[in-house]
Amino acid sequence: MVSEAEIERLRLEADTIMTRYQTVEEALQDARNEPGDHWDEEELTVTLETPQGESIEVVLDLDQDPAANAQQRYERVKELEAELEQQQAVVGQLAPLPADPVAYRILYHLDTVEGNYPRSMAGHLDAERKQVEALCEEMETAGLLERVESGTVKQRRVKAKKADEVRQHHTYYRLSREGDHLLRFLADRDGKKNVLRHLPDGQKIAKRLARGGPDYPRMTAEELDMDFEYVRHLYRALRRVGLVTTYEGSTIKASERKLKPKDETHRKHTYYVTTSVADELLRELDKED
């Protein structure tokens, strides 16, 4: 997803190149007349002073003059600003949330337990610890999570722990007010609709189920050539949001499953189907497209 930080970085680099035009021009000319590793990538890294007096590193295209190097960045800024505007219009309140199914599951998990630390969360969610740690940090930066104060964490506030009181040897997180509001938004119809736009492959999976009938994560991953762990988390996130649910029957009739029709399929896996809300939202999205 496009970030405002990336836009500001590119704009600052462009402004700096134009402000230090002569310095950049001399650096490029010197590099073109000297042998070195910069010829392998046809790029030159230079340290420049920004208009605000700070030092930054800028990677220059050896084949372009200073103006062209700056213009490339200005043009990219325009592209990213347009993408960001569209992104914010599409996902609305979901913009701060990482577009990762595990991020969704972290929100719901912390809503249940009120506070937990990444290693424990990874165990509860059957996810990679480093991924959970990175997502928690990103969600904290976005204002969706907050760190629990230092000292001790009471059992009444951290339900995931079994001890009555635990010493805080870990970084604990809980939902912030913004995170709580986001979960309420996900409970609304508009929130669920935006999930189908925000979550990568969420709409693809939902459409597959709506059109093809019950399916299970491993089969989906194999047929769509997707990572199984990602698909597994995606199904579970969509279920928590209320867009898919588990198929309850003991057997699946051919009329119910068009993906791999058989007279009858005995369930050996956890199959999923779309909810009625998801079916309605998918029809709306098709009309919008």
C-alpha atoms as a PDB file:
ATOM      1  CA  MET A   1       0.000   0.000   0.000  1.00  0.00           C
ATOM      2  CA  VAL A   2       1.090   3.560  -0.696  1.00  0.00           C
ATOM      3  CA  SER A   3       2.395   5.476   2.303  1.00  0.00           C
ATOM      4  CA  GLU A   4       2.568   9.216   2.868  1.00  0.00           C
ATOM      5  CA  ALA A   5       6.114   8.711   4.170  1.00  0.00           C
ATOM      6  CA  GLU A   6       7.232   7.392   0.766  1.00  0.00           C
ATOM      7  CA  ILE A   7       5.637  10.363  -0.969  1.00  0.00           C
ATOM      8  CA  GLU A   8       7.337  12.830   1.365  1.00  0.00           C
ATOM      9  CA  ARG A   9      10.702  11.068   0.936  1.00  0.00           C
ATOM     10  CA  LEU A  10      10.545  11.347  -2.849  1.00  0.00           C
ATOM     11  CA  ARG A  11       9.419  14.970  -2.719  1.00  0.00           C
ATOM     12  CA  LEU A  12      12.243  15.843  -0.327  1.00  0.00           C
ATOM     13  CA  GLU A  13      14.805  14.141  -2.562  1.00  0.00           C
ATOM     14  CA  ALA A  14      13.534  16.023  -5.615  1.00  0.00           C
ATOM     15  CA  ASP A  15      13.562  19.368  -3.806  1.00  0.00           C
ATOM     16  CA  THR A  16      17.064  18.665  -2.509  1.00  0.00           C
ATOM     17  CA  ILE A  17      18.396  17.776  -5.960  1.00  0.00           C
ATOM     18  CA  MET A  18      17.068  21.027  -7.385  1.00  0.00           C
ATOM     19  CA  THR A  19      18.347  23.053  -4.426  1.00  0.00           C
ATOM     20  CA  ARG A  20      21.824  21.494  -4.723  1.00  0.00           C
ATOM     21  CA  TYR A  21      21.768  21.460  -8.517  1.00  0.00           C
ATOM     22  CA  GLN A  22      25.413  22.395  -9.027  1.00  0.00           C
ATOM     23  CA  THR A  23      26.645  19.915  -6.408  1.00  0.00           C
ATOM     24  CA  VAL A  24      24.648  17.131  -8.041  1.00  0.00           C
ATOM     25  CA  GLU A  25      25.836  18.078 -11.514  1.00  0.00           C
ATOM     26  CA  GLU A  26      29.482  18.022 -10.423  1.00  0.00           C
ATOM     27  CA  ALA A  27      29.055  14.671  -8.639  1.00  0.00           C
ATOM     28  CA  LEU A  28      27.506  13.120 -11.746  1.00  0.00           C
ATOM     29  CA  GLN A  29      30.214  14.510 -14.006  1.00  0.00           C
ATOM     30  CA  ASP A  30      33.000  13.260 -11.736  1.00  0.00           C
ATOM     31  CA  ALA A  31      31.416   9.803 -11.534  1.00  0.00           C
ATOM     32  CA  ARG A  32      31.117   9.567 -15.318  1.00  0.00           C
ATOM     33  CA  ASN A  33      34.836  10.245 -15.657  1.00  0.00           C
ATOM     34  CA  GLU A  34      35.943   7.723 -13.047  1.00  0.00           C
ATOM     35  CA  PRO A  35      35.857   3.915 -12.891  1.00  0.00           C
ATOM     36  CA  GLY A  36      33.973   2.328 -10.026  1.00  0.00           C
ATOM     37  CA  ASP A  37      31.110   0.125  -8.856  1.00  0.00           C
ATOM     38  CA  HIS A  38      28.589   2.807  -9.818  1.00  0.00           C
ATOM     39  CA  TRP A  39      28.900   1.708 -13.435  1.00  0.00           C
ATOM     40  CA  ASP A  40      27.489  -1.738 -12.622  1.00  0.00           C
ATOM     41  CA  GLU A  41      24.127  -0.343 -11.530  1.00  0.00           C
ATOM     42  CA  GLU A  42      24.411   2.896 -13.513  1.00  0.00           C
ATOM     43  CA  GLU A  43      23.512   4.685 -10.286  1.00  0.00           C
ATOM     44  CA  LEU A  44      25.392   6.995  -7.960  1.00  0.00           C
ATOM     45  CA  THR A  45      24.666   7.430  -4.258  1.00  0.00           C
ATOM     46  CA  VAL A  46      25.489  10.881  -2.916  1.00  0.00           C
ATOM     47  CA  THR A  47      24.957  12.639   0.394  1.00  0.00           C
ATOM     48  CA  LEU A  48      23.203  15.990   0.043  1.00  0.00           C
ATOM     49  CA  GLU A  49      22.053  18.692   2.414  1.00  0.00           C
ATOM     50  CA  THR A  50      18.294  19.253   2.301  1.00  0.00           C
ATOM     51  CA  PRO A  51      16.786  22.752   2.199  1.00  0.00           C
ATOM     52  CA  GLN A  52      16.164  22.252   5.936  1.00  0.00           C
ATOM     53  CA  GLY A  53      19.865  21.618   6.567  1.00  0.00           C
ATOM     54  CA  GLU A  54      19.689  17.849   7.159  1.00  0.00           C
ATOM     55  CA  SER A  55      21.876  15.288   5.386  1.00  0.00           C
ATOM     56  CA  ILE A  56      20.226  12.594   3.277  1.00  0.00           C
ATOM     57  CA  GLU A  57      21.441   9.972   0.822  1.00  0.00           C
ATOM     58  CA  VAL A  58      20.074  10.203  -2.702  1.00  0.00           C
ATOM     59  CA  VAL A  59      20.480   7.617  -5.463  1.00  0.00           C
ATOM     60  CA  LEU A  60      21.002   9.315  -8.823  1.00  0.00           C
ATOM     61  CA  ASP A  61      20.614   7.952 -12.347  1.00  0.00           C
ATOM     62  CA  LEU A  62      24.030   8.343 -13.998  1.00  0.00           C
ATOM     63  CA  ASP A  63      22.486   8.804 -17.443  1.00  0.00           C
ATOM     64  CA  GLN A  64      20.253  11.696 -16.375  1.00  0.00           C
ATOM     65  CA  ASP A  65      21.067  15.289 -15.505  1.00  0.00           C
ATOM     66  CA  PRO A  66      19.991  16.771 -12.131  1.00  0.00           C
ATOM     67  CA  ALA A  67      16.726  18.159 -13.517  1.00  0.00           C
ATOM     68  CA  ALA A  68      15.713  14.792 -14.969  1.00  0.00           C
ATOM     69  CA  ASN A  69      16.613  13.006 -11.727  1.00  0.00           C
ATOM     70  CA  ALA A  70      14.380  15.411  -9.827  1.00  0.00           C
ATOM     71  CA  GLN A  71      11.584  15.236 -12.402  1.00  0.00           C
ATOM     72  CA  GLN A  72      11.447  11.444 -12.155  1.00  0.00           C
ATOM     73  CA  ARG A  73      10.715  11.821  -8.458  1.00  0.00           C
ATOM     74  CA  TYR A  74       8.129  14.567  -8.931  1.00  0.00           C
ATOM     75  CA  GLU A  75       6.294  12.412 -11.468  1.00  0.00           C
ATOM     76  CA  ARG A  76       6.389   9.434  -9.129  1.00  0.00           C
ATOM     77  CA  VAL A  77       5.022  11.642  -6.340  1.00  0.00           C
ATOM     78  CA  LYS A  78       2.029  12.537  -8.531  1.00  0.00           C
ATOM     79  CA  GLU A  79       1.397   8.867  -9.293  1.00  0.00           C
ATOM     80  CA  LEU A  80       1.608   7.854  -5.635  1.00  0.00           C
ATOM     81  CA  GLU A  81      -0.607  10.727  -4.500  1.00  0.00           C
ATOM     82  CA  ALA A  82      -3.274   9.610  -6.967  1.00  0.00           C
ATOM     83  CA  GLU A  83      -2.952   6.015  -5.738  1.00  0.00           C
ATOM     84  CA  LEU A  84      -3.118   7.132  -2.109  1.00  0.00           C
ATOM     85  CA  GLU A  85      -6.229   9.215  -2.758  1.00  0.00           C
ATOM     86  CA  GLN A  86      -7.906   6.261  -4.436  1.00  0.00           C
ATOM     87  CA  GLN A  87      -6.732   3.904  -1.707  1.00  0.00           C
ATOM     88  CA  GLN A  88      -8.139   6.100   1.048  1.00  0.00           C
ATOM     89  CA  ALA A  89     -11.404   6.545  -0.807  1.00  0.00           C
ATOM     90  CA  VAL A  90     -11.757   2.807  -1.295  1.00  0.00           C
ATOM     91  CA  VAL A  91     -10.847   1.451   2.091  1.00  0.00           C
ATOM     92  CA  GLY A  92     -11.827   4.406   4.246  1.00  0.00           C
ATOM     93  CA  GLN A  93     -11.275   3.536   7.877  1.00  0.00           C
ATOM     94  CA  LEU A  94      -9.229   0.456   6.943  1.00  0.00           C
ATOM     95  CA  ALA A  95      -6.368   2.542   5.516  1.00  0.00           C
ATOM     96  CA  PRO A  96      -4.251   2.380   8.733  1.00  0.00           C
ATOM     97  CA  LEU A  97      -4.569  -1.417   8.963  1.00  0.00           C
ATOM     98  CA  PRO A  98      -1.832  -3.506   7.281  1.00  0.00           C
ATOM     99  CA  ALA A  99      -3.343  -5.384   4.348  1.00  0.00           C
ATOM    100  CA  ASP A 100      -2.462  -8.735   5.901  1.00  0.00           C
ATOM    101  CA  PRO A 101      -4.962 -11.342   7.164  1.00  0.00           C
ATOM    102  CA  VAL A 102      -2.840 -11.893  10.279  1.00  0.00           C
ATOM    103  CA  ALA A 103      -3.281  -8.203  11.161  1.00  0.00           C
ATOM    104  CA  TYR A 104      -7.043  -8.719  11.148  1.00  0.00           C
ATOM    105  CA  ARG A 105      -6.669 -11.769  13.365  1.00  0.00           C
ATOM    106  CA  ILE A 106      -4.478  -9.817  15.803  1.00  0.00           C
ATOM    107  CA  LEU A 107      -7.253  -7.230  16.180  1.00  0.00           C
ATOM    108  CA  TYR A 108      -9.867  -9.848  16.981  1.00  0.00           C
ATOM    109  CA  HIS A 109      -7.513 -11.744  19.288  1.00  0.00           C
ATOM    110  CA  LEU A 110      -6.688  -8.651  21.339  1.00  0.00           C
ATOM    111  CA  ASP A 111     -10.366  -7.789  21.493  1.00  0.00           C
ATOM    112  CA  THR A 112     -10.921 -11.181  23.128  1.00  0.00           C
ATOM    113  CA  VAL A 113      -7.992 -11.296  25.555  1.00  0.00           C
ATOM    114  CA  GLU A 114      -7.619  -7.529  26.181  1.00  0.00           C
ATOM    115  CA  GLY A 115      -3.816  -7.672  26.068  1.00  0.00           C
ATOM    116  CA  ASN A 116      -1.032 -10.010  24.978  1.00  0.00           C
ATOM    117  CA  TYR A 117       2.551 -10.131  23.698  1.00  0.00           C
ATOM    118  CA  PRO A 118       3.670 -11.201  20.197  1.00  0.00           C
ATOM    119  CA  ARG A 119       5.128 -14.613  21.057  1.00  0.00           C
ATOM    120  CA  SER A 120       1.932 -15.623  22.832  1.00  0.00           C
ATOM    121  CA  MET A 121      -0.202 -14.168  20.044  1.00  0.00           C
ATOM    122  CA  ALA A 122       1.776 -16.144  17.482  1.00  0.00           C
ATOM    123  CA  GLY A 123       0.989 -19.318  19.397  1.00  0.00           C
ATOM    124  CA  HIS A 124      -2.713 -18.537  19.663  1.00  0.00           C
ATOM    125  CA  LEU A 125      -2.967 -17.610  15.988  1.00  0.00           C
ATOM    126  CA  ASP A 126      -0.604 -20.326  14.734  1.00  0.00           C
ATOM    127  CA  ALA A 127       1.399 -17.612  12.975  1.00  0.00           C
ATOM    128  CA  GLU A 128       5.077 -16.748  12.625  1.00  0.00           C
ATOM    129  CA  ARG A 129       6.415 -14.865  15.645  1.00  0.00           C
ATOM    130  CA  LYS A 130       8.482 -12.386  13.615  1.00  0.00           C
ATOM    131  CA  GLN A 131       5.502 -11.613  11.419  1.00  0.00           C
ATOM    132  CA  VAL A 132       3.320 -10.937  14.463  1.00  0.00           C
ATOM    133  CA  GLU A 133       6.019  -8.741  16.034  1.00  0.00           C
ATOM    134  CA  ALA A 134       6.378  -6.691  12.847  1.00  0.00           C
ATOM    135  CA  LEU A 135       2.622  -6.306  12.441  1.00  0.00           C
ATOM    136  CA  CYS A 136       2.162  -5.239  16.064  1.00  0.00           C
ATOM    137  CA  GLU A 137       4.801  -2.543  15.652  1.00  0.00           C
ATOM    138  CA  GLU A 138       3.218  -1.363  12.415  1.00  0.00           C
ATOM    139  CA  MET A 139      -0.257  -1.335  13.957  1.00  0.00           C
ATOM    140  CA  GLU A 140       1.043   0.567  16.979  1.00  0.00           C
ATOM    141  CA  THR A 141       2.578   3.174  14.677  1.00  0.00           C
ATOM    142  CA  ALA A 142      -0.760   3.414  12.856  1.00  0.00           C
ATOM    143  CA  GLY A 143      -2.511   4.047  16.175  1.00  0.00           C
ATOM    144  CA  LEU A 144      -4.533   0.812  16.237  1.00  0.00           C
ATOM    145  CA  LEU A 145      -2.624  -0.783  19.135  1.00  0.00           C
ATOM    146  CA  GLU A 146      -0.992   0.611  22.236  1.00  0.00           C
ATOM    147  CA  ARG A 147       1.569  -0.831  24.613  1.00  0.00           C
ATOM    148  CA  VAL A 148       0.428  -1.840  28.057  1.00  0.00           C
ATOM    149  CA  GLU A 149       2.168   0.192  30.763  1.00  0.00           C
ATOM    150  CA  SER A 150       5.289  -1.264  32.363  1.00  0.00           C
ATOM    151  CA  GLY A 151       5.308  -3.041  35.710  1.00  0.00           C
ATOM    152  CA  THR A 152       2.899  -5.930  36.119  1.00  0.00           C
ATOM    153  CA  VAL A 153       0.003  -6.981  33.954  1.00  0.00           C
ATOM    154  CA  LYS A 154      -3.012  -8.165  35.880  1.00  0.00           C
ATOM    155  CA  GLN A 155      -4.824 -11.325  34.910  1.00  0.00           C
ATOM    156  CA  ARG A 156      -8.105  -9.467  34.612  1.00  0.00           C
ATOM    157  CA  ARG A 157      -6.550  -7.360  31.852  1.00  0.00           C
ATOM    158  CA  VAL A 158      -4.588 -10.078  30.066  1.00  0.00           C
ATOM    159  CA  LYS A 159      -6.886 -13.061  29.761  1.00  0.00           C
ATOM    160  CA  ALA A 160      -4.516 -15.004  27.530  1.00  0.00           C
ATOM    161  CA  LYS A 161      -2.222 -15.676  30.504  1.00  0.00           C
ATOM    162  CA  LYS A 162      -3.084 -18.391  33.013  1.00  0.00           C
ATOM    163  CA  ALA A 163      -1.138 -16.997  35.967  1.00  0.00           C
ATOM    164  CA  ASP A 164      -2.958 -14.637  38.327  1.00  0.00           C
ATOM    165  CA  GLU A 165      -0.242 -12.061  37.834  1.00  0.00           C
ATOM    166  CA  VAL A 166       2.679 -12.026  35.408  1.00  0.00           C
ATOM    167  CA  ARG A 167       5.841  -9.986  35.375  1.00  0.00           C
ATOM    168  CA  GLN A 168       6.177  -8.002  32.186  1.00  0.00           C
ATOM    169  CA  HIS A 169       9.214  -9.514  30.501  1.00  0.00           C
ATOM    170  CA  HIS A 170       7.604  -8.958  27.103  1.00  0.00           C
ATOM    171  CA  THR A 171       6.113  -6.083  25.164  1.00  0.00           C
ATOM    172  CA  TYR A 172       2.369  -6.307  25.694  1.00  0.00           C
ATOM    173  CA  TYR A 173      -0.160  -4.783  23.329  1.00  0.00           C
ATOM    174  CA  ARG A 174      -3.843  -4.020  23.546  1.00  0.00           C
ATOM    175  CA  LEU A 175      -6.358  -2.329  21.280  1.00  0.00           C
ATOM    176  CA  SER A 176      -6.308   1.445  21.274  1.00  0.00           C
ATOM    177  CA  ARG A 177      -9.507   3.438  21.040  1.00  0.00           C
ATOM    178  CA  GLU A 178      -8.929   3.665  17.279  1.00  0.00           C
ATOM    179  CA  GLY A 179      -8.463  -0.103  17.084  1.00  0.00           C
ATOM    180  CA  ASP A 180     -11.703  -0.653  18.973  1.00  0.00           C
ATOM    181  CA  HIS A 181     -13.522   1.716  16.620  1.00  0.00           C
ATOM    182  CA  LEU A 182     -12.087  -0.155  13.651  1.00  0.00           C
ATOM    183  CA  LEU A 183     -13.491  -3.448  14.924  1.00  0.00           C
ATOM    184  CA  ARG A 184     -16.900  -1.828  15.272  1.00  0.00           C
ATOM    185  CA  PHE A 185     -16.598  -0.639  11.683  1.00  0.00           C
ATOM    186  CA  LEU A 186     -15.793  -4.206  10.583  1.00  0.00           C
ATOM    187  CA  ALA A 187     -19.032  -5.335  12.186  1.00  0.00           C
ATOM    188  CA  ASP A 188     -20.984  -3.009   9.882  1.00  0.00           C
ATOM    189  CA  ARG A 189     -22.007  -3.860   6.354  1.00  0.00           C
ATOM    190  CA  ASP A 190     -19.840  -1.080   4.883  1.00  0.00           C
ATOM    191  CA  GLY A 191     -16.882  -2.368   6.866  1.00  0.00           C
ATOM    192  CA  LYS A 192     -17.272  -5.864   5.470  1.00  0.00           C
ATOM    193  CA  LYS A 193     -17.556  -4.467   1.955  1.00  0.00           C
ATOM    194  CA  ASN A 194     -14.336  -2.540   2.356  1.00  0.00           C
ATOM    195  CA  VAL A 195     -12.550  -5.661   3.604  1.00  0.00           C
ATOM    196  CA  LEU A 196     -13.177  -7.217   0.191  1.00  0.00           C
ATOM    197  CA  ARG A 197     -11.396  -4.228  -1.340  1.00  0.00           C
ATOM    198  CA  HIS A 198      -8.641  -3.887   1.252  1.00  0.00           C
ATOM    199  CA  LEU A 199      -7.494  -7.442   1.917  1.00  0.00           C
ATOM    200  CA  PRO A 200      -5.375  -8.872  -0.911  1.00  0.00           C
ATOM    201  CA  ASP A 201      -7.070 -11.850  -2.536  1.00  0.00           C
ATOM    202  CA  GLY A 202     -10.018 -11.564  -0.140  1.00  0.00           C
ATOM    203  CA  GLN A 203     -12.443 -10.809  -2.941  1.00  0.00           C
ATOM    204  CA  LYS A 204     -10.873 -13.506  -5.132  1.00  0.00           C
ATOM    205  CA  ILE A 205     -11.403 -16.174  -2.455  1.00  0.00           C
ATOM    206  CA  ALA A 206     -14.933 -15.009  -1.679  1.00  0.00           C
ATOM    207  CA  LYS A 207     -15.888 -15.069  -5.369  1.00  0.00           C
ATOM    208  CA  ARG A 208     -14.408 -18.544  -5.737  1.00  0.00           C
ATOM    209  CA  LEU A 209     -16.577 -19.833  -2.904  1.00  0.00           C
ATOM    210  CA  ALA A 210     -19.688 -17.966  -4.047  1.00  0.00           C
ATOM    211  CA  ARG A 211     -19.444 -19.375  -7.566  1.00  0.00           C
ATOM    212  CA  GLY A 212     -17.855 -22.752  -6.946  1.00  0.00           C
ATOM    213  CA  GLY A 213     -19.296 -23.855  -3.631  1.00  0.00           C
ATOM    214  CA  PRO A 214     -17.540 -25.180  -0.504  1.00  0.00           C
ATOM    215  CA  ASP A 215     -13.753 -25.315  -0.547  1.00  0.00           C
ATOM    216  CA  TYR A 216     -10.878 -25.729   1.904  1.00  0.00           C
ATOM    217  CA  PRO A 217      -7.603 -23.785   2.228  1.00  0.00           C
ATOM    218  CA  ARG A 218      -5.145 -26.354   0.902  1.00  0.00           C
ATOM    219  CA  MET A 219      -7.171 -27.004  -2.232  1.00  0.00           C
ATOM    220  CA  THR A 220      -7.563 -23.260  -2.794  1.00  0.00           C
ATOM    221  CA  ALA A 221      -3.823 -22.716  -2.387  1.00  0.00           C
ATOM    222  CA  GLU A 222      -2.939 -25.514  -4.799  1.00  0.00           C
ATOM    223  CA  GLU A 223      -5.397 -24.547  -7.520  1.00  0.00           C
ATOM    224  CA  LEU A 224      -4.650 -20.815  -7.348  1.00  0.00           C
ATOM    225  CA  ASP A 225      -0.896 -21.345  -6.875  1.00  0.00           C
ATOM    226  CA  MET A 226      -0.884 -19.396  -3.606  1.00  0.00           C
ATOM    227  CA  ASP A 227       1.020 -19.904  -0.362  1.00  0.00           C
ATOM    228  CA  PHE A 228      -0.911 -22.280   1.893  1.00  0.00           C
ATOM    229  CA  GLU A 229      -0.160 -20.459   5.149  1.00  0.00           C
ATOM    230  CA  TYR A 230      -1.322 -17.183   3.644  1.00  0.00           C
ATOM    231  CA  VAL A 231      -4.539 -18.768   2.358  1.00  0.00           C
ATOM    232  CA  ARG A 232      -5.178 -20.424   5.718  1.00  0.00           C
ATOM    233  CA  HIS A 233      -4.925 -17.098   7.538  1.00  0.00           C
ATOM    234  CA  LEU A 234      -7.003 -15.448   4.835  1.00  0.00           C
ATOM    235  CA  TYR A 235      -9.885 -17.879   5.335  1.00  0.00           C
ATOM    236  CA  ARG A 236      -9.765 -17.416   9.096  1.00  0.00           C
ATOM    237  CA  ALA A 237      -9.675 -13.630   8.810  1.00  0.00           C
ATOM    238  CA  LEU A 238     -12.637 -13.628   6.428  1.00  0.00           C
ATOM    239  CA  ARG A 239     -14.487 -15.848   8.848  1.00  0.00           C
ATOM    240  CA  ARG A 240     -13.893 -13.484  11.781  1.00  0.00           C
ATOM    241  CA  VAL A 241     -15.137 -10.572   9.701  1.00  0.00           C
ATOM    242  CA  GLY A 242     -18.264 -12.533   8.808  1.00  0.00           C
ATOM    243  CA  LEU A 243     -17.721 -12.993   5.082  1.00  0.00           C
ATOM    244  CA  VAL A 244     -17.237 -16.764   5.128  1.00  0.00           C
ATOM    245  CA  THR A 245     -18.349 -19.489   7.480  1.00  0.00           C
ATOM    246  CA  THR A 246     -17.637 -23.186   7.878  1.00  0.00           C
ATOM    247  CA  TYR A 247     -19.725 -25.698   5.981  1.00  0.00           C
ATOM    248  CA  GLU A 248     -21.642 -27.725   8.532  1.00  0.00           C
ATOM    249  CA  GLY A 249     -22.824 -30.707   6.517  1.00  0.00           C
ATOM    250  CA  SER A 250     -21.108 -34.087   6.806  1.00  0.00           C
ATOM    251  CA  THR A 251     -21.149 -34.584   3.033  1.00  0.00           C
ATOM    252  CA  ILE A 252     -21.131 -32.162   0.112  1.00  0.00           C
ATOM    253  CA  LYS A 253     -23.433 -32.882  -2.810  1.00  0.00           C
ATOM    254  CA  ALA A 254     -22.355 -32.342  -6.411  1.00  0.00           C
ATOM    255  CA  SER A 255     -24.969 -29.611  -6.813  1.00  0.00           C
ATOM    256  CA  GLU A 256     -23.313 -27.687  -3.960  1.00  0.00           C
ATOM    257  CA  ARG A 257     -19.718 -27.885  -5.161  1.00  0.00           C
ATOM    258  CA  LYS A 258     -18.974 -26.889  -8.746  1.00  0.00           C
ATOM    259  CA  LEU A 259     -15.198 -26.647  -8.258  1.00  0.00           C
ATOM    260  CA  LYS A 260     -14.643 -30.415  -8.342  1.00  0.00           C
ATOM    261  CA  PRO A 261     -18.063 -31.956  -8.856  1.00  0.00           C
ATOM    262  CA  LYS A 262     -18.587 -35.470  -7.555  1.00  0.00           C
ATOM    263  CA  ASP A 263     -21.789 -37.274  -6.728  1.00  0.00           C
ATOM    264  CA  GLU A 264     -20.917 -36.797  -3.088  1.00  0.00           C
ATOM    265  CA  THR A 265     -17.859 -35.551  -1.171  1.00  0.00           C
ATOM    266  CA  HIS A 266     -17.235 -36.843   2.343  1.00  0.00           C
ATOM    267  CA  ARG A 267     -15.645 -34.121   4.416  1.00  0.00           C
ATOM    268  CA  LYS A 268     -12.036 -34.724   5.465  1.00  0.00           C
ATOM    269  CA  HIS A 269     -11.184 -31.036   5.823  1.00  0.00           C
ATOM    270  CA  THR A 270     -12.761 -27.864   7.159  1.00  0.00           C
ATOM    271  CA  TYR A 271     -14.729 -26.487   4.232  1.00  0.00           C
ATOM    272  CA  TYR A 272     -15.814 -22.872   3.934  1.00  0.00           C
ATOM    273  CA  VAL A 273     -18.703 -21.136   2.186  1.00  0.00           C
ATOM    274  CA  THR A 274     -19.612 -17.483   1.780  1.00  0.00           C
ATOM    275  CA  THR A 275     -22.195 -15.897   4.048  1.00  0.00           C
ATOM    276  CA  SER A 276     -25.355 -14.311   2.656  1.00  0.00           C
ATOM    277  CA  VAL A 277     -23.888 -10.878   3.412  1.00  0.00           C
ATOM    278  CA  ALA A 278     -20.786 -11.693   1.368  1.00  0.00           C
ATOM    279  CA  ASP A 279     -22.920 -12.865  -1.554  1.00  0.00           C
ATOM    280  CA  GLU A 280     -24.824  -9.564  -1.548  1.00  0.00           C
ATOM    281  CA  LEU A 281     -21.641  -7.493  -1.304  1.00  0.00           C
ATOM    282  CA  LEU A 282     -19.971  -9.396  -4.138  1.00  0.00           C
ATOM    283  CA  ARG A 283     -22.950  -8.674  -6.399  1.00  0.00           C
ATOM    284  CA  GLU A 284     -22.696  -4.989  -5.521  1.00  0.00           C
ATOM    285  CA  LEU A 285     -18.967  -4.926  -6.251  1.00  0.00           C
ATOM    286  CA  ASP A 286     -19.527  -6.624  -9.610  1.00  0.00           C
ATOM    287  CA  LYS A 287     -22.009  -3.903 -10.572  1.00  0.00           C
ATOM    288  CA  GLU A 288     -19.555  -1.190  -9.504  1.00  0.00           C
ATOM    289  CA  ASP A 289     -16.843  -2.696 -11.688  1.00  0.00           C
END
